[in-house]
Full PDB file with SEQRES, HELIX, SHEET, SSBOND, CRYST1, ORIGX, SCALE, CONECT and MASTER records, all heavy atoms in Angstrom:
SEQRES   1 A   38  GLY ALA ASP CYS ILE ASN PRO ALA PRO TYR THR ALA LEU          
SEQRES   2 A   38  ARG ALA ASN GLY GLU ASN ALA TRP PHE GLY TRP PRO LYS          
SEQRES   3 A   38  SER ASP ALA VAL GLU ALA ALA ARG ASP ALA TRP PHE              
HELIX    1 AA1 THR A   11  LEU A   13  5                                   3    
HELIX    2 AA2 GLY A   17  ASN A   19  5                                   3    
HELIX    3 AA3 ASP A   28  TRP A   37  1                                  10    
CRYST1    1.000    1.000    1.000  90.00  90.00  90.00 P 1           1          
ORIGX1      1.000000  0.000000  0.000000        0.00000                         
ORIGX2      0.000000  1.000000  0.000000        0.00000                         
ORIGX3      0.000000  0.000000  1.000000        0.00000                         
SCALE1      1.000000  0.000000  0.000000        0.00000                         
SCALE2      0.000000  1.000000  0.000000        0.00000                         
SCALE3      0.000000  0.000000  1.000000        0.00000                         
ATOM      1  N   GLY A   1     -10.859  -5.631  60.713  1.00  0.00           N  
ATOM      2  CA  GLY A   1     -10.958  -4.236  61.106  1.00  0.00           C  
ATOM      3  C   GLY A   1     -10.312  -3.957  62.439  1.00  0.00           C  
ATOM      4  O   GLY A   1      -9.757  -2.865  62.659  1.00  0.00           O  
ATOM      5  N   ALA A   2     -10.332  -4.944  63.352  1.00  0.00           N  
ATOM      6  CA  ALA A   2      -9.693  -4.774  64.658  1.00  0.00           C  
ATOM      7  C   ALA A   2      -8.188  -4.588  64.529  1.00  0.00           C  
ATOM      8  O   ALA A   2      -7.554  -4.017  65.419  1.00  0.00           O  
ATOM      9  CB  ALA A   2      -9.992  -5.978  65.553  1.00  0.00           C  
ATOM     10  N   ASP A   3      -7.597  -5.064  63.422  1.00  0.00           N  
ATOM     11  CA  ASP A   3      -6.157  -4.936  63.198  1.00  0.00           C  
ATOM     12  C   ASP A   3      -5.795  -3.603  62.555  1.00  0.00           C  
ATOM     13  O   ASP A   3      -4.611  -3.293  62.401  1.00  0.00           O  
ATOM     14  CB  ASP A   3      -5.652  -6.055  62.294  1.00  0.00           C  
ATOM     15  CG  ASP A   3      -5.816  -7.428  62.909  1.00  0.00           C  
ATOM     16  OD1 ASP A   3      -6.201  -7.519  64.087  1.00  0.00           O  
ATOM     17  OD2 ASP A   3      -5.564  -8.424  62.191  1.00  0.00           O  
ATOM     18  N   CYS A   4      -6.803  -2.846  62.132  1.00  0.00           N  
ATOM     19  CA  CYS A   4      -6.557  -1.633  61.344  1.00  0.00           C  
ATOM     20  C   CYS A   4      -7.101  -0.379  62.010  1.00  0.00           C  
ATOM     21  O   CYS A   4      -7.306   0.645  61.352  1.00  0.00           O  
ATOM     22  CB  CYS A   4      -7.198  -1.778  59.959  1.00  0.00           C  
ATOM     23  SG  CYS A   4      -6.709  -3.260  59.043  1.00  0.00           S  
ATOM     24  N   ILE A   5      -7.348  -0.443  63.317  1.00  0.00           N  
ATOM     25  CA  ILE A   5      -7.930   0.721  63.991  1.00  0.00           C  
ATOM     26  C   ILE A   5      -6.883   1.766  64.347  1.00  0.00           C  
ATOM     27  O   ILE A   5      -7.209   2.931  64.560  1.00  0.00           O  
ATOM     28  CB  ILE A   5      -8.695   0.308  65.259  1.00  0.00           C  
ATOM     29  CG1 ILE A   5      -7.771  -0.419  66.245  1.00  0.00           C  
ATOM     30  CG2 ILE A   5      -9.908  -0.541  64.910  1.00  0.00           C  
ATOM     31  CD1 ILE A   5      -8.422  -0.690  67.586  1.00  0.00           C  
ATOM     32  N   ASN A   6      -5.615   1.358  64.428  1.00  0.00           N  
ATOM     33  CA  ASN A   6      -4.529   2.304  64.689  1.00  0.00           C  
ATOM     34  C   ASN A   6      -3.228   1.685  64.174  1.00  0.00           C  
ATOM     35  O   ASN A   6      -3.197   0.507  63.806  1.00  0.00           O  
ATOM     36  CB  ASN A   6      -4.457   2.672  66.175  1.00  0.00           C  
ATOM     37  CG  ASN A   6      -4.076   1.512  67.063  1.00  0.00           C  
ATOM     38  OD1 ASN A   6      -3.059   0.861  66.864  1.00  0.00           O  
ATOM     39  ND2 ASN A   6      -4.905   1.235  68.076  1.00  0.00           N  
ATOM     40  N   PRO A   7      -2.142   2.442  64.122  1.00  0.00           N  
ATOM     41  CA  PRO A   7      -0.908   1.912  63.530  1.00  0.00           C  
ATOM     42  C   PRO A   7      -0.235   0.789  64.326  1.00  0.00           C  
ATOM     43  O   PRO A   7       0.579   0.059  63.758  1.00  0.00           O  
ATOM     44  CB  PRO A   7       0.011   3.147  63.476  1.00  0.00           C  
ATOM     45  CG  PRO A   7      -0.911   4.317  63.455  1.00  0.00           C  
ATOM     46  CD  PRO A   7      -2.065   3.900  64.341  1.00  0.00           C  
ATOM     47  N   ALA A   8      -0.536   0.650  65.621  1.00  0.00           N  
ATOM     48  CA  ALA A   8       0.205  -0.315  66.443  1.00  0.00           C  
ATOM     49  C   ALA A   8       0.103  -1.746  65.928  1.00  0.00           C  
ATOM     50  O   ALA A   8       1.132  -2.395  65.702  1.00  0.00           O  
ATOM     51  CB  ALA A   8      -0.239  -0.216  67.896  1.00  0.00           C  
ATOM     52  N   PRO A   9      -1.107  -2.287  65.727  1.00  0.00           N  
ATOM     53  CA  PRO A   9      -1.174  -3.666  65.266  1.00  0.00           C  
ATOM     54  C   PRO A   9      -1.246  -3.822  63.746  1.00  0.00           C  
ATOM     55  O   PRO A   9      -1.372  -4.933  63.249  1.00  0.00           O  
ATOM     56  CB  PRO A   9      -2.493  -4.150  65.897  1.00  0.00           C  
ATOM     57  CG  PRO A   9      -3.356  -2.923  65.890  1.00  0.00           C  
ATOM     58  CD  PRO A   9      -2.433  -1.758  66.080  1.00  0.00           C  
ATOM     59  N   TYR A  10      -1.157  -2.716  63.021  1.00  0.00           N  
ATOM     60  CA  TYR A  10      -1.433  -2.723  61.584  1.00  0.00           C  
ATOM     61  C   TYR A  10      -0.189  -3.167  60.817  1.00  0.00           C  
ATOM     62  O   TYR A  10       0.533  -2.363  60.229  1.00  0.00           O  
ATOM     63  CB  TYR A  10      -1.889  -1.336  61.144  1.00  0.00           C  
ATOM     64  CG  TYR A  10      -2.731  -1.287  59.888  1.00  0.00           C  
ATOM     65  CD1 TYR A  10      -3.528  -0.176  59.612  1.00  0.00           C  
ATOM     66  CD2 TYR A  10      -2.745  -2.324  58.956  1.00  0.00           C  
ATOM     67  CE1 TYR A  10      -4.314  -0.100  58.482  1.00  0.00           C  
ATOM     68  CE2 TYR A  10      -3.519  -2.268  57.824  1.00  0.00           C  
ATOM     69  CZ  TYR A  10      -4.301  -1.143  57.580  1.00  0.00           C  
ATOM     70  OH  TYR A  10      -5.075  -1.075  56.433  1.00  0.00           O  
ATOM     71  N   THR A  11       0.040  -4.451  60.801  1.00  0.00           N  
ATOM     72  CA  THR A  11       1.218  -5.028  60.162  1.00  0.00           C  
ATOM     73  C   THR A  11       1.343  -4.613  58.707  1.00  0.00           C  
ATOM     74  O   THR A  11       2.439  -4.302  58.223  1.00  0.00           O  
ATOM     75  CB  THR A  11       1.159  -6.560  60.255  1.00  0.00           C  
ATOM     76  OG1 THR A  11       1.075  -6.940  61.628  1.00  0.00           O  
ATOM     77  CG2 THR A  11       2.374  -7.200  59.630  1.00  0.00           C  
ATOM     78  N   ALA A  12       0.241  -4.586  57.984  1.00  0.00           N  
ATOM     79  CA  ALA A  12       0.280  -4.330  56.546  1.00  0.00           C  
ATOM     80  C   ALA A  12       0.665  -2.904  56.207  1.00  0.00           C  
ATOM     81  O   ALA A  12       1.009  -2.610  55.061  1.00  0.00           O  
ATOM     82  CB  ALA A  12      -1.085  -4.647  55.931  1.00  0.00           C  
ATOM     83  N   LEU A  13       0.617  -1.986  57.185  1.00  0.00           N  
ATOM     84  CA  LEU A  13       0.898  -0.585  56.914  1.00  0.00           C  
ATOM     85  C   LEU A  13       2.323  -0.190  57.309  1.00  0.00           C  
ATOM     86  O   LEU A  13       2.662   0.986  57.288  1.00  0.00           O  
ATOM     87  CB  LEU A  13      -0.123   0.311  57.622  1.00  0.00           C  
ATOM     88  CG  LEU A  13      -0.460   1.647  56.936  1.00  0.00           C  
ATOM     89  CD1 LEU A  13      -0.926   1.427  55.508  1.00  0.00           C  
ATOM     90  CD2 LEU A  13      -1.514   2.402  57.723  1.00  0.00           C  
ATOM     91  N   ARG A  14       3.144  -1.171  57.664  1.00  0.00           N  
ATOM     92  CA  ARG A  14       4.557  -0.867  57.884  1.00  0.00           C  
ATOM     93  C   ARG A  14       5.241  -0.634  56.533  1.00  0.00           C  
ATOM     94  O   ARG A  14       4.897  -1.263  55.524  1.00  0.00           O  
ATOM     95  CB  ARG A  14       5.267  -2.019  58.603  1.00  0.00           C  
ATOM     96  CG  ARG A  14       4.917  -2.207  60.051  1.00  0.00           C  
ATOM     97  CD  ARG A  14       5.139  -0.996  60.917  1.00  0.00           C  
ATOM     98  NE  ARG A  14       6.482  -0.435  60.884  1.00  0.00           N  
ATOM     99  CZ  ARG A  14       7.473  -0.781  61.709  1.00  0.00           C  
ATOM    100  NH1 ARG A  14       7.281  -1.746  62.612  1.00  0.00           N  
ATOM    101  NH2 ARG A  14       8.638  -0.178  61.637  1.00  0.00           N  
ATOM    102  N   ALA A  15       6.232   0.239  56.545  1.00  0.00           N  
ATOM    103  CA  ALA A  15       6.976   0.545  55.322  1.00  0.00           C  
ATOM    104  C   ALA A  15       8.457   0.622  55.647  1.00  0.00           C  
ATOM    105  O   ALA A  15       9.149   1.565  55.257  1.00  0.00           O  
ATOM    106  CB  ALA A  15       6.473   1.852  54.710  1.00  0.00           C  
ATOM    107  N   ASN A  16       8.944  -0.391  56.360  1.00  0.00           N  
ATOM    108  CA  ASN A  16      10.334  -0.419  56.802  1.00  0.00           C  
ATOM    109  C   ASN A  16      11.169  -1.413  56.005  1.00  0.00           C  
ATOM    110  O   ASN A  16      12.033  -2.120  56.522  1.00  0.00           O  
ATOM    111  CB  ASN A  16      10.435  -0.703  58.299  1.00  0.00           C  
ATOM    112  CG  ASN A  16       9.693  -1.958  58.734  1.00  0.00           C  
ATOM    113  OD1 ASN A  16       8.764  -2.406  58.069  1.00  0.00           O  
ATOM    114  ND2 ASN A  16      10.093  -2.528  59.860  1.00  0.00           N  
ATOM    115  N   GLY A  17      10.884  -1.499  54.710  1.00  0.00           N  
ATOM    116  CA  GLY A  17      11.728  -2.240  53.786  1.00  0.00           C  
ATOM    117  C   GLY A  17      11.805  -3.725  54.052  1.00  0.00           C  
ATOM    118  O   GLY A  17      10.781  -4.416  54.114  1.00  0.00           O  
ATOM    119  N   GLU A  18      13.008  -4.233  54.228  1.00  0.00           N  
ATOM    120  CA  GLU A  18      13.229  -5.667  54.381  1.00  0.00           C  
ATOM    121  C   GLU A  18      12.482  -6.250  55.578  1.00  0.00           C  
ATOM    122  O   GLU A  18      12.172  -7.440  55.606  1.00  0.00           O  
ATOM    123  CB  GLU A  18      14.723  -5.952  54.528  1.00  0.00           C  
ATOM    124  CG  GLU A  18      15.526  -5.743  53.250  1.00  0.00           C  
ATOM    125  CD  GLU A  18      15.160  -6.747  52.164  1.00  0.00           C  
ATOM    126  OE1 GLU A  18      15.117  -7.951  52.460  1.00  0.00           O  
ATOM    127  OE2 GLU A  18      14.921  -6.320  51.023  1.00  0.00           O  
ATOM    128  N   ASN A  19      12.197  -5.433  56.577  1.00  0.00           N  
ATOM    129  CA  ASN A  19      11.477  -5.913  57.756  1.00  0.00           C  
ATOM    130  C   ASN A  19       9.971  -5.693  57.663  1.00  0.00           C  
ATOM    131  O   ASN A  19       9.249  -6.022  58.608  1.00  0.00           O  
ATOM    132  CB  ASN A  19      12.014  -5.222  59.016  1.00  0.00           C  
ATOM    133  CG  ASN A  19      13.415  -5.679  59.370  1.00  0.00           C  
ATOM    134  OD1 ASN A  19      13.735  -6.858  59.258  1.00  0.00           O  
ATOM    135  ND2 ASN A  19      14.268  -4.748  59.776  1.00  0.00           N  
ATOM    136  N   ALA A  20       9.510  -5.138  56.552  1.00  0.00           N  
ATOM    137  CA  ALA A  20       8.086  -4.884  56.381  1.00  0.00           C  
ATOM    138  C   ALA A  20       7.363  -6.175  56.035  1.00  0.00           C  
ATOM    139  O   ALA A  20       7.971  -7.226  55.789  1.00  0.00           O  
ATOM    140  CB  ALA A  20       7.859  -3.841  55.289  1.00  0.00           C  
ATOM    141  N   TRP A  21       6.033  -6.084  55.992  1.00  0.00           N  
ATOM    142  CA  TRP A  21       5.213  -7.236  55.630  1.00  0.00           C  
ATOM    143  C   TRP A  21       5.417  -7.548  54.149  1.00  0.00           C  
ATOM    144  O   TRP A  21       6.066  -6.813  53.418  1.00  0.00           O  
ATOM    145  CB  TRP A  21       3.736  -6.924  55.950  1.00  0.00           C  
ATOM    146  CG  TRP A  21       2.874  -8.135  56.103  1.00  0.00           C  
ATOM    147  CD1 TRP A  21       3.050  -9.165  56.971  1.00  0.00           C  
ATOM    148  CD2 TRP A  21       1.679  -8.433  55.368  1.00  0.00           C  
ATOM    149  NE1 TRP A  21       2.042 -10.088  56.831  1.00  0.00           N  
ATOM    150  CE2 TRP A  21       1.185  -9.667  55.850  1.00  0.00           C  
ATOM    151  CE3 TRP A  21       0.983  -7.776  54.361  1.00  0.00           C  
ATOM    152  CZ2 TRP A  21       0.024 -10.262  55.357  1.00  0.00           C  
ATOM    153  CZ3 TRP A  21      -0.181  -8.360  53.867  1.00  0.00           C  
ATOM    154  CH2 TRP A  21      -0.650  -9.590  54.361  1.00  0.00           C  
ATOM    155  N   PHE A  22       4.867  -8.649  53.693  1.00  0.00           N  
ATOM    156  CA  PHE A  22       5.080  -9.137  52.331  1.00  0.00           C  
ATOM    157  C   PHE A  22       4.805  -8.031  51.297  1.00  0.00           C  
ATOM    158  O   PHE A  22       3.764  -7.388  51.308  1.00  0.00           O  
ATOM    159  CB  PHE A  22       4.195 -10.346  52.063  1.00  0.00           C  
ATOM    160  CG  PHE A  22       4.348 -11.418  53.108  1.00  0.00           C  
ATOM    161  CD1 PHE A  22       3.292 -11.761  53.933  1.00  0.00           C  
ATOM    162  CD2 PHE A  22       5.560 -12.050  53.286  1.00  0.00           C  
ATOM    163  CE1 PHE A  22       3.433 -12.742  54.903  1.00  0.00           C  
ATOM    164  CE2 PHE A  22       5.721 -13.030  54.258  1.00  0.00           C  
ATOM    165  CZ  PHE A  22       4.653 -13.376  55.063  1.00  0.00           C  
ATOM    166  N   GLY A  23       5.757  -7.875  50.395  1.00  0.00           N  
ATOM    167  CA  GLY A  23       5.763  -6.765  49.461  1.00  0.00           C  
ATOM    168  C   GLY A  23       6.904  -5.827  49.780  1.00  0.00           C  
ATOM    169  O   GLY A  23       7.406  -5.120  48.926  1.00  0.00           O  
ATOM    170  N   TRP A  24       7.317  -5.798  51.060  1.00  0.00           N  
ATOM    171  CA  TRP A  24       8.515  -5.136  51.542  1.00  0.00           C  
ATOM    172  C   TRP A  24       8.644  -3.671  51.109  1.00  0.00           C  
ATOM    173  O   TRP A  24       9.694  -3.248  50.608  1.00  0.00           O  
ATOM    174  CB  TRP A  24       9.739  -5.965  51.140  1.00  0.00           C  
ATOM    175  CG  TRP A  24       9.572  -7.382  51.593  1.00  0.00           C  
ATOM    176  CD1 TRP A  24       9.730  -7.872  52.858  1.00  0.00           C  
ATOM    177  CD2 TRP A  24       9.142  -8.506  50.789  1.00  0.00           C  
ATOM    178  NE1 TRP A  24       9.446  -9.217  52.889  1.00  0.00           N  
ATOM    179  CE2 TRP A  24       9.076  -9.642  51.639  1.00  0.00           C  
ATOM    180  CE3 TRP A  24       8.814  -8.664  49.440  1.00  0.00           C  
ATOM    181  CZ2 TRP A  24       8.703 -10.899  51.192  1.00  0.00           C  
ATOM    182  CZ3 TRP A  24       8.438  -9.921  48.985  1.00  0.00           C  
ATOM    183  CH2 TRP A  24       8.387 -11.022  49.861  1.00  0.00           C  
ATOM    184  N   PRO A  25       7.584  -2.871  51.324  1.00  0.00           N  
ATOM    185  CA  PRO A  25       7.660  -1.451  50.959  1.00  0.00           C  
ATOM    186  C   PRO A  25       8.599  -0.687  51.885  1.00  0.00           C  
ATOM    187  O   PRO A  25       8.764  -1.042  53.058  1.00  0.00           O  
ATOM    188  CB  PRO A  25       6.221  -0.964  51.130  1.00  0.00           C  
ATOM    189  CG  PRO A  25       5.640  -1.892  52.154  1.00  0.00           C  
ATOM    190  CD  PRO A  25       6.284  -3.231  51.898  1.00  0.00           C  
ATOM    191  N   LYS A  26       9.200   0.376  51.344  1.00  0.00           N  
ATOM    192  CA  LYS A  26      10.082   1.231  52.149  1.00  0.00           C  
ATOM    193  C   LYS A  26       9.720   2.691  51.895  1.00  0.00           C  
ATOM    194  O   LYS A  26       9.906   3.209  50.784  1.00  0.00           O  
ATOM    195  CB  LYS A  26      11.548   0.989  51.812  1.00  0.00           C  
ATOM    196  CG  LYS A  26      12.496   1.701  52.784  1.00  0.00           C  
ATOM    197  CD  LYS A  26      13.947   1.408  52.482  1.00  0.00           C  
ATOM    198  CE  LYS A  26      14.863   1.917  53.592  1.00  0.00           C  
ATOM    199  NZ  LYS A  26      14.577   3.302  54.010  1.00  0.00           N  
ATOM    200  N   SER A  27       9.213   3.350  52.928  1.00  0.00           N  
ATOM    201  CA  SER A  27       8.848   4.754  52.838  1.00  0.00           C  
ATOM    202  C   SER A  27       9.184   5.438  54.157  1.00  0.00           C  
ATOM    203  O   SER A  27       8.575   5.145  55.189  1.00  0.00           O  
ATOM    204  CB  SER A  27       7.354   4.932  52.532  1.00  0.00           C  
ATOM    205  OG  SER A  27       6.943   6.265  52.746  1.00  0.00           O  
ATOM    206  N   ASP A  28      10.137   6.355  54.117  1.00  0.00           N  
ATOM    207  CA  ASP A  28      10.505   7.086  55.326  1.00  0.00           C  
ATOM    208  C   ASP A  28       9.344   7.947  55.804  1.00  0.00           C  
ATOM    209  O   ASP A  28       9.171   8.144  57.021  1.00  0.00           O  
ATOM    210  CB  ASP A  28      11.727   7.954  55.058  1.00  0.00           C  
ATOM    211  CG  ASP A  28      12.996   7.137  54.810  1.00  0.00           C  
ATOM    212  OD1 ASP A  28      13.014   5.945  55.192  1.00  0.00           O  
ATOM    213  OD2 ASP A  28      13.941   7.688  54.238  1.00  0.00           O  
ATOM    214  N   ALA A  29       8.535   8.472  54.871  1.00  0.00           N  
ATOM    215  CA  ALA A  29       7.416   9.337  55.253  1.00  0.00           C  
ATOM    216  C   ALA A  29       6.354   8.558  56.018  1.00  0.00           C  
ATOM    217  O   ALA A  29       5.811   9.039  57.031  1.00  0.00           O  
ATOM    218  CB  ALA A  29       6.803   9.980  54.012  1.00  0.00           C  
ATOM    219  N   VAL A  30       6.045   7.356  55.570  1.00  0.00           N  
ATOM    220  CA  VAL A  30       5.062   6.528  56.273  1.00  0.00           C  
ATOM    221  C   VAL A  30       5.577   6.172  57.660  1.00  0.00           C  
ATOM    222  O   VAL A  30       4.854   6.264  58.662  1.00  0.00           O  
ATOM    223  CB  VAL A  30       4.738   5.258  55.461  1.00  0.00           C  
ATOM    224  CG1 VAL A  30       3.877   4.304  56.278  1.00  0.00           C  
ATOM    225  CG2 VAL A  30       4.026   5.614  54.162  1.00  0.00           C  
ATOM    226  N   GLU A  31       6.833   5.762  57.743  1.00  0.00           N  
ATOM    227  CA  GLU A  31       7.402   5.359  59.026  1.00  0.00           C  
ATOM    228  C   GLU A  31       7.512   6.536  59.995  1.00  0.00           C  
ATOM    229  O   GLU A  31       7.284   6.376  61.202  1.00  0.00           O  
ATOM    230  CB  GLU A  31       8.770   4.723  58.805  1.00  0.00           C  
ATOM    231  CG  GLU A  31       8.706   3.327  58.192  1.00  0.00           C  
ATOM    232  CD  GLU A  31       8.047   2.307  59.109  1.00  0.00           C  
ATOM    233  OE1 GLU A  31       8.604   2.026  60.186  1.00  0.00           O  
ATOM    234  OE2 GLU A  31       6.967   1.799  58.756  1.00  0.00           O  
ATOM    235  N   ALA A  32       7.833   7.721  59.481  1.00  0.00           N  
ATOM    236  CA  ALA A  32       7.924   8.899  60.354  1.00  0.00           C  
ATOM    237  C   ALA A  32       6.563   9.241  60.936  1.00  0.00           C  
ATOM    238  O   ALA A  32       6.448   9.595  62.127  1.00  0.00           O  
ATOM    239  CB  ALA A  32       8.487  10.087  59.571  1.00  0.00           C  
ATOM    240  N   ALA A  33       5.512   9.137  60.123  1.00  0.00           N  
ATOM    241  CA  ALA A  33       4.163   9.411  60.625  1.00  0.00           C  
ATOM    242  C   ALA A  33       3.751   8.364  61.651  1.00  0.00           C  
ATOM    243  O   ALA A  33       3.087   8.676  62.652  1.00  0.00           O  
ATOM    244  CB  ALA A  33       3.178   9.441  59.458  1.00  0.00           C  
ATOM    245  N   ARG A  34       4.166   7.120  61.433  1.00  0.00           N  
ATOM    246  CA  ARG A  34       3.874   6.069  62.402  1.00  0.00           C  
ATOM    247  C   ARG A  34       4.568   6.354  63.728  1.00  0.00           C  
ATOM    248  O   ARG A  34       3.970   6.217  64.801  1.00  0.00           O  
ATOM    249  CB  ARG A  34       4.311   4.722  61.838  1.00  0.00           C  
ATOM    250  CG  ARG A  34       3.977   3.517  62.701  1.00  0.00           C  
ATOM    251  CD  ARG A  34       4.378   2.230  61.977  1.00  0.00           C  
ATOM    252  NE  ARG A  34       3.944   1.058  62.714  1.00  0.00           N  
ATOM    253  CZ  ARG A  34       4.632   0.480  63.682  1.00  0.00           C  
ATOM    254  NH1 ARG A  34       5.815   0.964  64.034  1.00  0.00           N  
ATOM    255  NH2 ARG A  34       4.165  -0.592  64.292  1.00  0.00           N  
ATOM    256  N   ASP A  35       5.822   6.759  63.658  1.00  0.00           N  
ATOM    257  CA  ASP A  35       6.558   7.104  64.877  1.00  0.00           C  
ATOM    258  C   ASP A  35       5.877   8.261  65.609  1.00  0.00           C  
ATOM    259  O   ASP A  35       5.823   8.281  66.854  1.00  0.00           O  
ATOM    260  CB  ASP A  35       7.998   7.485  64.544  1.00  0.00           C  
ATOM    261  CG  ASP A  35       8.827   6.279  64.084  1.00  0.00           C  
ATOM    262  OD1 ASP A  35       8.405   5.137  64.332  1.00  0.00           O  
ATOM    263  OD2 ASP A  35       9.891   6.512  63.475  1.00  0.00           O  
ATOM    264  N   ALA A  36       5.367   9.236  64.844  1.00  0.00           N  
ATOM    265  CA  ALA A  36       4.681  10.381  65.456  1.00  0.00           C  
ATOM    266  C   ALA A  36       3.419   9.931  66.182  1.00  0.00           C  
ATOM    267  O   ALA A  36       3.066  10.485  67.239  1.00  0.00           O  
ATOM    268  CB  ALA A  36       4.342  11.419  64.390  1.00  0.00           C  
ATOM    269  N   TRP A  37       2.750   8.920  65.641  1.00  0.00           N  
ATOM    270  CA  TRP A  37       1.553   8.409  66.334  1.00  0.00           C  
ATOM    271  C   TRP A  37       1.939   7.772  67.666  1.00  0.00           C  
ATOM    272  O   TRP A  37       1.290   8.002  68.683  1.00  0.00           O  
ATOM    273  CB  TRP A  37       0.819   7.391  65.462  1.00  0.00           C  
ATOM    274  CG  TRP A  37      -0.380   6.837  66.162  1.00  0.00           C  
ATOM    275  CD1 TRP A  37      -1.621   7.403  66.236  1.00  0.00           C  
ATOM    276  CD2 TRP A  37      -0.450   5.627  66.936  1.00  0.00           C  
ATOM    277  NE1 TRP A  37      -2.460   6.618  67.000  1.00  0.00           N  
ATOM    278  CE2 TRP A  37      -1.758   5.532  67.441  1.00  0.00           C  
ATOM    279  CE3 TRP A  37       0.471   4.636  67.242  1.00  0.00           C  
ATOM    280  CZ2 TRP A  37      -2.174   4.460  68.241  1.00  0.00           C  
ATOM    281  CZ3 TRP A  37       0.068   3.568  68.037  1.00  0.00           C  
ATOM    282  CH2 TRP A  37      -1.242   3.495  68.522  1.00  0.00           C  
ATOM    283  N   PHE A  38       3.007   6.976  67.667  1.00  0.00           N  
ATOM    284  CA  PHE A  38       3.442   6.349  68.911  1.00  0.00           C  
ATOM    285  C   PHE A  38       3.841   7.395  69.948  1.00  0.00           C  
ATOM    286  O   PHE A  38       3.680   7.170  71.149  1.00  0.00           O  
ATOM    287  CB  PHE A  38       4.616   5.406  68.644  1.00  0.00           C  
ATOM    288  CG  PHE A  38       4.197   4.014  68.281  1.00  0.00           C  
ATOM    289  CD1 PHE A  38       4.045   3.632  66.953  1.00  0.00           C  
ATOM    290  CD2 PHE A  38       3.935   3.064  69.253  1.00  0.00           C  
ATOM    291  CE1 PHE A  38       3.653   2.348  66.616  1.00  0.00           C  
ATOM    292  CE2 PHE A  38       3.540   1.777  68.924  1.00  0.00           C  
ATOM    293  CZ  PHE A  38       3.391   1.415  67.603  1.00  0.00           C  
TER     294      PHE A  38                                                      
MASTER        0    0    0    3    0    0    0    6  293    1    0    3          
END                                                                             
């Protein structure tokens, strides 16, 4: 739970394709919302 309290350490919630965590999802909408949080 400590890894999932915000987008910064939440490795599994990245959606930047080849650089994402295992499963390699790619979603511009997810990444844009993450950038907005930062």
